Amino acid sequence: MRTVGVDLAAEAVRTSVAWLDWSANGARVSEIEIRADDDLIIEAVMGADKAGIDCPLGWPDKFVEFVTAHRAGHVDIPSDIAGHSWRRNLALRVTDQVVYDLTGLTPLSVSADRIGHTAMRCAGLLAELARQGQLVDRRGSGIVVEVYPAASLNRWELPYRNYKRSSNLGGLGRLVDELQAAAPWLDLGAYEQTCRVSDDATDAVIAALTARASSQGLVTVPDQEHADSARTEGWIALPTTPLHKLQL
């Protein structure tokens, strides 16, 4: 089995892709690309059994409705909801709010933060995968699943803060150390040093591990209450079991 993790950015220069090959003995990182363009991402996903993408797969339904109404000049601001709460429902998807409830982490807002640029790129990638015959289901049942590496690390009781950017290389190194201790069956091979100097590369590996969890049915999935919103907004898959379960 092969899983792929994509730490997506708006441009190739900050986009990393990791390939994990699975066997009875565990997983091996067979390749990491730290400057991945669209063609490489499509090729990687097409060659995987499951791919985890660290990027929102859609926008909040309420935000889409708001922008549509604003374009037509008929915005209706509810009088019975505080301004902050109303804007929060425009800025955060249902899955973002579920992630906060479960982990205490708030994903970046696809409608109010710079990650919107990345989501635009992601929308094009999803469209191309669909054109090439892949089932693209924003709820995660198709070839791709939306992941959030910091939340996966949180659920696996690994360091999930203070490892980003060059100023936190010490924290990144500690994360890699603890990941290897928690998952001795994960062979980083020739790419261990890459993970120690690039948080994008490490996030891509975590995304590929979460893709494995998704393929095994070991992640959160939208319940009946959230199914409709997840179909359009996307759904962040959170691991539901310890990390060692992935090797079984």
C-alpha atoms as a PDB file:
ATOM      1  CA  MET A   1       0.000   0.000   0.000  1.00  0.00           C
ATOM      2  CA  ARG A   2       1.139   3.557  -0.708  1.00  0.00           C
ATOM      3  CA  THR A   3      -0.083   6.722   0.976  1.00  0.00           C
ATOM      4  CA  VAL A   4       0.884  10.250   0.018  1.00  0.00           C
ATOM      5  CA  GLY A   5       0.908  13.404   2.116  1.00  0.00           C
ATOM      6  CA  VAL A   6       0.700  16.883   0.615  1.00  0.00           C
ATOM      7  CA  ASP A   7       1.610  19.931   2.694  1.00  0.00           C
ATOM      8  CA  LEU A   8       0.065  22.360   0.255  1.00  0.00           C
ATOM      9  CA  ALA A   9       0.999  26.021  -0.154  1.00  0.00           C
ATOM     10  CA  ALA A  10      -0.129  28.613  -2.661  1.00  0.00           C
ATOM     11  CA  GLU A  11       3.087  28.123  -4.644  1.00  0.00           C
ATOM     12  CA  ALA A  12       5.345  25.174  -5.357  1.00  0.00           C
ATOM     13  CA  VAL A  13       8.257  26.659  -3.404  1.00  0.00           C
ATOM     14  CA  ARG A  14       6.595  25.921  -0.036  1.00  0.00           C
ATOM     15  CA  THR A  15       4.733  22.753  -1.051  1.00  0.00           C
ATOM     16  CA  SER A  16       6.021  19.368   0.106  1.00  0.00           C
ATOM     17  CA  VAL A  17       4.917  15.877  -0.879  1.00  0.00           C
ATOM     18  CA  ALA A  18       5.844  12.679   0.974  1.00  0.00           C
ATOM     19  CA  TRP A  19       5.399   9.098  -0.253  1.00  0.00           C
ATOM     20  CA  LEU A  20       4.992   6.294   2.328  1.00  0.00           C
ATOM     21  CA  ASP A  21       5.177   2.658   1.282  1.00  0.00           C
ATOM     22  CA  TRP A  22       3.528   0.240   3.707  1.00  0.00           C
ATOM     23  CA  SER A  23       4.333  -3.399   4.380  1.00  0.00           C
ATOM     24  CA  ALA A  24       3.833  -5.919   7.159  1.00  0.00           C
ATOM     25  CA  ASN A  25       6.873  -4.426   8.900  1.00  0.00           C
ATOM     26  CA  GLY A  26       5.636  -0.834   8.918  1.00  0.00           C
ATOM     27  CA  ALA A  27       6.172   2.146   6.643  1.00  0.00           C
ATOM     28  CA  ARG A  28       9.103   3.563   4.694  1.00  0.00           C
ATOM     29  CA  VAL A  29       9.433   7.096   3.371  1.00  0.00           C
ATOM     30  CA  SER A  30      10.358   6.382  -0.229  1.00  0.00           C
ATOM     31  CA  GLU A  31      10.525  10.006  -1.395  1.00  0.00           C
ATOM     32  CA  ILE A  32       9.994  13.596  -0.310  1.00  0.00           C
ATOM     33  CA  GLU A  33       9.732  16.508  -2.717  1.00  0.00           C
ATOM     34  CA  ILE A  34       9.937  19.947  -1.113  1.00  0.00           C
ATOM     35  CA  ARG A  35       9.157  22.057  -4.208  1.00  0.00           C
ATOM     36  CA  ALA A  36       6.114  20.343  -5.660  1.00  0.00           C
ATOM     37  CA  ASP A  37       4.274  21.807  -8.632  1.00  0.00           C
ATOM     38  CA  ASP A  38       0.750  20.879  -9.701  1.00  0.00           C
ATOM     39  CA  ASP A  39       1.832  18.179 -12.145  1.00  0.00           C
ATOM     40  CA  LEU A  40       3.905  16.417  -9.501  1.00  0.00           C
ATOM     41  CA  ILE A  41       1.059  16.547  -6.978  1.00  0.00           C
ATOM     42  CA  ILE A  42      -1.426  15.095  -9.460  1.00  0.00           C
ATOM     43  CA  GLU A  43       1.009  12.329 -10.392  1.00  0.00           C
ATOM     44  CA  ALA A  44       1.661  11.534  -6.725  1.00  0.00           C
ATOM     45  CA  VAL A  45      -2.020  11.377  -5.791  1.00  0.00           C
ATOM     46  CA  MET A  46      -2.891   9.312  -8.871  1.00  0.00           C
ATOM     47  CA  GLY A  47      -0.256   6.771  -7.841  1.00  0.00           C
ATOM     48  CA  ALA A  48      -1.453   6.495  -4.233  1.00  0.00           C
ATOM     49  CA  ASP A  49      -4.060   4.345  -2.530  1.00  0.00           C
ATOM     50  CA  LYS A  50      -4.910   7.345  -0.348  1.00  0.00           C
ATOM     51  CA  ALA A  51      -3.628  10.905  -0.161  1.00  0.00           C
ATOM     52  CA  GLY A  52      -3.895  13.394   2.684  1.00  0.00           C
ATOM     53  CA  ILE A  53      -3.948  17.069   1.741  1.00  0.00           C
ATOM     54  CA  ASP A  54      -3.215  19.715   4.347  1.00  0.00           C
ATOM     55  CA  CYS A  55      -5.558  22.392   3.007  1.00  0.00           C
ATOM     56  CA  PRO A  56      -9.259  23.213   3.263  1.00  0.00           C
ATOM     57  CA  LEU A  57     -11.175  21.403   0.534  1.00  0.00           C
ATOM     58  CA  GLY A  58     -14.012  23.944   0.513  1.00  0.00           C
ATOM     59  CA  TRP A  59     -15.361  27.198   1.930  1.00  0.00           C
ATOM     60  CA  PRO A  60     -17.971  27.659   4.705  1.00  0.00           C
ATOM     61  CA  ASP A  61     -21.480  27.343   3.284  1.00  0.00           C
ATOM     62  CA  LYS A  62     -22.576  30.398   5.261  1.00  0.00           C
ATOM     63  CA  PHE A  63     -19.698  32.411   3.793  1.00  0.00           C
ATOM     64  CA  VAL A  64     -20.645  31.371   0.245  1.00  0.00           C
ATOM     65  CA  GLU A  65     -24.245  32.380   0.937  1.00  0.00           C
ATOM     66  CA  PHE A  66     -23.069  35.705   2.416  1.00  0.00           C
ATOM     67  CA  VAL A  67     -20.882  36.578  -0.588  1.00  0.00           C
ATOM     68  CA  THR A  68     -23.662  35.602  -2.999  1.00  0.00           C
ATOM     69  CA  ALA A  69     -26.149  37.795  -1.129  1.00  0.00           C
ATOM     70  CA  HIS A  70     -23.679  40.666  -0.941  1.00  0.00           C
ATOM     71  CA  ARG A  71     -23.083  40.488  -4.687  1.00  0.00           C
ATOM     72  CA  ALA A  72     -26.830  40.819  -5.219  1.00  0.00           C
ATOM     73  CA  GLY A  73     -27.059  43.630  -2.656  1.00  0.00           C
ATOM     74  CA  HIS A  74     -29.300  41.778  -0.214  1.00  0.00           C
ATOM     75  CA  VAL A  75     -27.167  40.940   2.822  1.00  0.00           C
ATOM     76  CA  ASP A  76     -29.334  40.140   5.827  1.00  0.00           C
ATOM     77  CA  ILE A  77     -27.408  40.477   9.092  1.00  0.00           C
ATOM     78  CA  PRO A  78     -29.195  38.603  11.893  1.00  0.00           C
ATOM     79  CA  SER A  79     -30.159  40.844  14.796  1.00  0.00           C
ATOM     80  CA  ASP A  80     -30.371  38.043  17.345  1.00  0.00           C
ATOM     81  CA  ILE A  81     -26.734  36.900  16.996  1.00  0.00           C
ATOM     82  CA  ALA A  82     -23.717  38.822  18.336  1.00  0.00           C
ATOM     83  CA  GLY A  83     -21.432  40.197  15.646  1.00  0.00           C
ATOM     84  CA  HIS A  84     -18.489  38.018  16.699  1.00  0.00           C
ATOM     85  CA  SER A  85     -20.540  34.822  16.614  1.00  0.00           C
ATOM     86  CA  TRP A  86     -22.043  35.728  13.257  1.00  0.00           C
ATOM     87  CA  ARG A  87     -18.614  36.415  11.726  1.00  0.00           C
ATOM     88  CA  ARG A  88     -17.213  33.230  13.257  1.00  0.00           C
ATOM     89  CA  ASN A  89     -19.800  31.202  11.323  1.00  0.00           C
ATOM     90  CA  LEU A  90     -18.693  32.966   8.149  1.00  0.00           C
ATOM     91  CA  ALA A  91     -14.996  32.428   8.855  1.00  0.00           C
ATOM     92  CA  LEU A  92     -15.008  28.843  10.127  1.00  0.00           C
ATOM     93  CA  ARG A  93     -16.416  25.731   8.526  1.00  0.00           C
ATOM     94  CA  VAL A  94     -18.351  23.175  10.537  1.00  0.00           C
ATOM     95  CA  THR A  95     -15.341  20.859  10.519  1.00  0.00           C
ATOM     96  CA  ASP A  96     -13.100  23.659  11.838  1.00  0.00           C
ATOM     97  CA  GLN A  97     -15.411  24.118  14.800  1.00  0.00           C
ATOM     98  CA  VAL A  98     -15.543  20.356  15.419  1.00  0.00           C
ATOM     99  CA  VAL A  99     -11.733  20.229  15.386  1.00  0.00           C
ATOM    100  CA  TYR A 100     -11.655  23.031  17.963  1.00  0.00           C
ATOM    101  CA  ASP A 101     -14.121  21.185  20.184  1.00  0.00           C
ATOM    102  CA  LEU A 102     -12.016  17.988  20.032  1.00  0.00           C
ATOM    103  CA  THR A 103      -8.484  19.392  20.188  1.00  0.00           C
ATOM    104  CA  GLY A 104      -8.593  23.027  21.255  1.00  0.00           C
ATOM    105  CA  LEU A 105      -6.907  23.960  17.964  1.00  0.00           C
ATOM    106  CA  THR A 106      -8.497  26.406  15.525  1.00  0.00           C
ATOM    107  CA  PRO A 107      -7.641  25.734  11.868  1.00  0.00           C
ATOM    108  CA  LEU A 108      -6.831  28.731   9.703  1.00  0.00           C
ATOM    109  CA  SER A 109      -9.943  30.309   8.218  1.00  0.00           C
ATOM    110  CA  VAL A 110     -10.230  29.627   4.491  1.00  0.00           C
ATOM    111  CA  SER A 111     -12.461  32.675   4.075  1.00  0.00           C
ATOM    112  CA  ALA A 112     -10.587  35.140   6.297  1.00  0.00           C
ATOM    113  CA  ASP A 113      -6.912  34.108   6.320  1.00  0.00           C
ATOM    114  CA  ARG A 114      -4.178  33.807   3.699  1.00  0.00           C
ATOM    115  CA  ILE A 115      -4.778  30.067   3.409  1.00  0.00           C
ATOM    116  CA  GLY A 116      -7.555  31.060   1.013  1.00  0.00           C
ATOM    117  CA  HIS A 117      -4.874  31.425  -1.675  1.00  0.00           C
ATOM    118  CA  THR A 118      -3.799  27.832  -1.038  1.00  0.00           C
ATOM    119  CA  ALA A 119      -7.416  26.654  -1.155  1.00  0.00           C
ATOM    120  CA  MET A 120      -7.801  28.208  -4.594  1.00  0.00           C
ATOM    121  CA  ARG A 121      -4.883  26.101  -5.796  1.00  0.00           C
ATOM    122  CA  CYS A 122      -6.364  23.050  -4.095  1.00  0.00           C
ATOM    123  CA  ALA A 123      -9.703  23.553  -5.854  1.00  0.00           C
ATOM    124  CA  GLY A 124      -7.910  23.382  -9.179  1.00  0.00           C
ATOM    125  CA  LEU A 125      -6.087  20.194  -8.156  1.00  0.00           C
ATOM    126  CA  LEU A 126      -9.339  18.531  -7.056  1.00  0.00           C
ATOM    127  CA  ALA A 127     -10.960  19.468 -10.364  1.00  0.00           C
ATOM    128  CA  GLU A 128      -8.059  17.961 -12.301  1.00  0.00           C
ATOM    129  CA  LEU A 129      -8.211  14.729 -10.287  1.00  0.00           C
ATOM    130  CA  ALA A 130     -11.928  14.482 -11.054  1.00  0.00           C
ATOM    131  CA  ARG A 131     -11.233  15.076 -14.756  1.00  0.00           C
ATOM    132  CA  GLN A 132      -8.784  12.188 -14.645  1.00  0.00           C
ATOM    133  CA  GLY A 133     -11.460   9.866 -13.317  1.00  0.00           C
ATOM    134  CA  GLN A 134     -10.739   9.921  -9.581  1.00  0.00           C
ATOM    135  CA  LEU A 135     -13.549  10.014  -7.044  1.00  0.00           C
ATOM    136  CA  VAL A 136     -13.170  13.299  -5.194  1.00  0.00           C
ATOM    137  CA  ASP A 137     -15.331  13.413  -2.075  1.00  0.00           C
ATOM    138  CA  ARG A 138     -14.629  16.325   0.267  1.00  0.00           C
ATOM    139  CA  ARG A 139     -15.855  14.163   3.151  1.00  0.00           C
ATOM    140  CA  GLY A 140     -12.781  11.955   2.673  1.00  0.00           C
ATOM    141  CA  SER A 141     -14.158   8.764   1.164  1.00  0.00           C
ATOM    142  CA  GLY A 142     -12.478   9.260  -2.218  1.00  0.00           C
ATOM    143  CA  ILE A 143      -8.819   9.323  -3.221  1.00  0.00           C
ATOM    144  CA  VAL A 144      -8.064  12.378  -1.052  1.00  0.00           C
ATOM    145  CA  VAL A 145      -8.818  13.254   2.531  1.00  0.00           C
ATOM    146  CA  GLU A 146      -8.374  16.617   4.226  1.00  0.00           C
ATOM    147  CA  VAL A 147      -5.871  16.521   7.070  1.00  0.00           C
ATOM    148  CA  TYR A 148      -4.511  18.935   9.675  1.00  0.00           C
ATOM    149  CA  PRO A 149      -1.043  17.786  10.817  1.00  0.00           C
ATOM    150  CA  ALA A 150      -1.021  19.761  14.087  1.00  0.00           C
ATOM    151  CA  ALA A 151      -4.324  18.166  15.088  1.00  0.00           C
ATOM    152  CA  SER A 152      -3.073  14.690  14.124  1.00  0.00           C
ATOM    153  CA  LEU A 153       0.018  15.236  16.278  1.00  0.00           C
ATOM    154  CA  ASN A 154      -2.210  16.432  19.106  1.00  0.00           C
ATOM    155  CA  ARG A 155      -4.317  13.286  18.901  1.00  0.00           C
ATOM    156  CA  TRP A 156      -1.179  11.113  18.837  1.00  0.00           C
ATOM    157  CA  GLU A 157       0.193  12.937  21.905  1.00  0.00           C
ATOM    158  CA  LEU A 158       3.212  14.254  20.015  1.00  0.00           C
ATOM    159  CA  PRO A 159       4.549  17.849  20.001  1.00  0.00           C
ATOM    160  CA  TYR A 160       2.220  19.943  17.888  1.00  0.00           C
ATOM    161  CA  ARG A 161       3.399  23.482  18.608  1.00  0.00           C
ATOM    162  CA  ASN A 162       6.622  25.442  18.205  1.00  0.00           C
ATOM    163  CA  TYR A 163       8.197  23.445  15.388  1.00  0.00           C
ATOM    164  CA  LYS A 164       7.413  25.768  12.495  1.00  0.00           C
ATOM    165  CA  ARG A 165       9.886  28.131  10.778  1.00  0.00           C
ATOM    166  CA  SER A 166      13.679  28.183  10.880  1.00  0.00           C
ATOM    167  CA  SER A 167      13.653  29.810  14.311  1.00  0.00           C
ATOM    168  CA  ASN A 168      12.204  26.604  15.763  1.00  0.00           C
ATOM    169  CA  LEU A 169      14.571  23.985  14.345  1.00  0.00           C
ATOM    170  CA  GLY A 170      15.177  22.690  17.859  1.00  0.00           C
ATOM    171  CA  GLY A 171      11.463  22.054  18.289  1.00  0.00           C
ATOM    172  CA  LEU A 172      11.296  20.395  14.876  1.00  0.00           C
ATOM    173  CA  GLY A 173      14.165  18.107  15.816  1.00  0.00           C
ATOM    174  CA  ARG A 174      12.427  17.139  19.047  1.00  0.00           C
ATOM    175  CA  LEU A 175       9.257  16.358  17.102  1.00  0.00           C
ATOM    176  CA  VAL A 176      11.162  14.065  14.740  1.00  0.00           C
ATOM    177  CA  ASP A 177      12.840  12.369  17.729  1.00  0.00           C
ATOM    178  CA  GLU A 178       9.517  11.756  19.463  1.00  0.00           C
ATOM    179  CA  LEU A 179       7.869  10.597  16.232  1.00  0.00           C
ATOM    180  CA  GLN A 180      10.598   8.007  15.727  1.00  0.00           C
ATOM    181  CA  ALA A 181      10.330   6.883  19.350  1.00  0.00           C
ATOM    182  CA  ALA A 182       6.545   6.533  19.095  1.00  0.00           C
ATOM    183  CA  ALA A 183       6.708   4.826  15.689  1.00  0.00           C
ATOM    184  CA  PRO A 184       9.933   2.776  15.456  1.00  0.00           C
ATOM    185  CA  TRP A 185       8.338   1.018  12.471  1.00  0.00           C
ATOM    186  CA  LEU A 186       8.432   4.292  10.488  1.00  0.00           C
ATOM    187  CA  ASP A 187      11.634   4.409   8.441  1.00  0.00           C
ATOM    188  CA  LEU A 188      12.509   7.961   7.399  1.00  0.00           C
ATOM    189  CA  GLY A 189      15.592   6.599   5.650  1.00  0.00           C
ATOM    190  CA  ALA A 190      17.502   9.098   3.550  1.00  0.00           C
ATOM    191  CA  TYR A 191      14.880  11.757   4.304  1.00  0.00           C
ATOM    192  CA  GLU A 192      15.372  11.984   8.073  1.00  0.00           C
ATOM    193  CA  GLN A 193      17.592  15.046   7.758  1.00  0.00           C
ATOM    194  CA  THR A 194      15.120  16.647   5.353  1.00  0.00           C
ATOM    195  CA  CYS A 195      12.438  16.299   8.009  1.00  0.00           C
ATOM    196  CA  ARG A 196      14.751  17.813  10.616  1.00  0.00           C
ATOM    197  CA  VAL A 197      15.307  20.993   8.607  1.00  0.00           C
ATOM    198  CA  SER A 198      11.941  21.371   6.838  1.00  0.00           C
ATOM    199  CA  ASP A 199       8.689  21.542   8.785  1.00  0.00           C
ATOM    200  CA  ASP A 200       6.893  21.371   5.421  1.00  0.00           C
ATOM    201  CA  ALA A 201       8.474  17.976   4.778  1.00  0.00           C
ATOM    202  CA  THR A 202       7.584  16.741   8.267  1.00  0.00           C
ATOM    203  CA  ASP A 203       4.004  17.933   7.870  1.00  0.00           C
ATOM    204  CA  ALA A 204       3.819  16.031   4.565  1.00  0.00           C
ATOM    205  CA  VAL A 205       4.902  12.850   6.381  1.00  0.00           C
ATOM    206  CA  ILE A 206       2.254  13.438   9.073  1.00  0.00           C
ATOM    207  CA  ALA A 207      -0.315  14.000   6.310  1.00  0.00           C
ATOM    208  CA  ALA A 208       0.653  10.665   4.735  1.00  0.00           C
ATOM    209  CA  LEU A 209       0.344   8.924   8.114  1.00  0.00           C
ATOM    210  CA  THR A 210      -3.123  10.441   8.563  1.00  0.00           C
ATOM    211  CA  ALA A 211      -4.036   9.252   5.068  1.00  0.00           C
ATOM    212  CA  ARG A 212      -3.129   5.745   6.226  1.00  0.00           C
ATOM    213  CA  ALA A 213      -5.395   6.170   9.256  1.00  0.00           C
ATOM    214  CA  SER A 214      -8.199   7.292   6.945  1.00  0.00           C
ATOM    215  CA  SER A 215      -7.723   4.301   4.655  1.00  0.00           C
ATOM    216  CA  GLN A 216      -8.015   2.008   7.684  1.00  0.00           C
ATOM    217  CA  GLY A 217     -11.175   3.698   8.978  1.00  0.00           C
ATOM    218  CA  LEU A 218      -9.296   5.067  11.992  1.00  0.00           C
ATOM    219  CA  VAL A 219     -10.349   8.723  11.700  1.00  0.00           C
ATOM    220  CA  THR A 220     -13.344  10.879  12.494  1.00  0.00           C
ATOM    221  CA  VAL A 221     -15.996  11.018   9.791  1.00  0.00           C
ATOM    222  CA  PRO A 222     -18.989  13.354   9.534  1.00  0.00           C
ATOM    223  CA  ASP A 223     -22.095  12.124  11.301  1.00  0.00           C
ATOM    224  CA  GLN A 224     -25.592  12.625   9.931  1.00  0.00           C
ATOM    225  CA  GLU A 225     -25.775  16.139  11.412  1.00  0.00           C
ATOM    226  CA  HIS A 226     -22.600  17.242   9.609  1.00  0.00           C
ATOM    227  CA  ALA A 227     -22.792  15.191   6.399  1.00  0.00           C
ATOM    228  CA  ASP A 228     -24.362  17.887   4.219  1.00  0.00           C
ATOM    229  CA  SER A 229     -21.928  20.622   5.231  1.00  0.00           C
ATOM    230  CA  ALA A 230     -18.948  18.267   4.911  1.00  0.00           C
ATOM    231  CA  ARG A 231     -19.974  17.429   1.334  1.00  0.00           C
ATOM    232  CA  THR A 232     -19.424  21.035   0.271  1.00  0.00           C
ATOM    233  CA  GLU A 233     -17.106  22.496   2.924  1.00  0.00           C
ATOM    234  CA  GLY A 234     -14.755  19.556   3.394  1.00  0.00           C
ATOM    235  CA  TRP A 235     -14.006  17.502   6.491  1.00  0.00           C
ATOM    236  CA  ILE A 236     -10.781  17.314   8.514  1.00  0.00           C
ATOM    237  CA  ALA A 237     -10.022  13.692   9.384  1.00  0.00           C
ATOM    238  CA  LEU A 238      -8.720  13.343  12.944  1.00  0.00           C
ATOM    239  CA  PRO A 239      -7.058  10.083  14.064  1.00  0.00           C
ATOM    240  CA  THR A 240      -9.166   8.094  16.505  1.00  0.00           C
ATOM    241  CA  THR A 241      -6.539   5.566  17.609  1.00  0.00           C
ATOM    242  CA  PRO A 242      -2.920   5.636  18.829  1.00  0.00           C
ATOM    243  CA  LEU A 243      -0.186   5.938  16.222  1.00  0.00           C
ATOM    244  CA  HIS A 244       0.987   2.336  16.566  1.00  0.00           C
ATOM    245  CA  LYS A 245      -2.356   1.066  15.264  1.00  0.00           C
ATOM    246  CA  LEU A 246      -1.408   2.277  11.781  1.00  0.00           C
ATOM    247  CA  GLN A 247       1.126  -0.488  11.268  1.00  0.00           C
ATOM    248  CA  LEU A 248      -1.370  -3.296  11.846  1.00  0.00           C
END
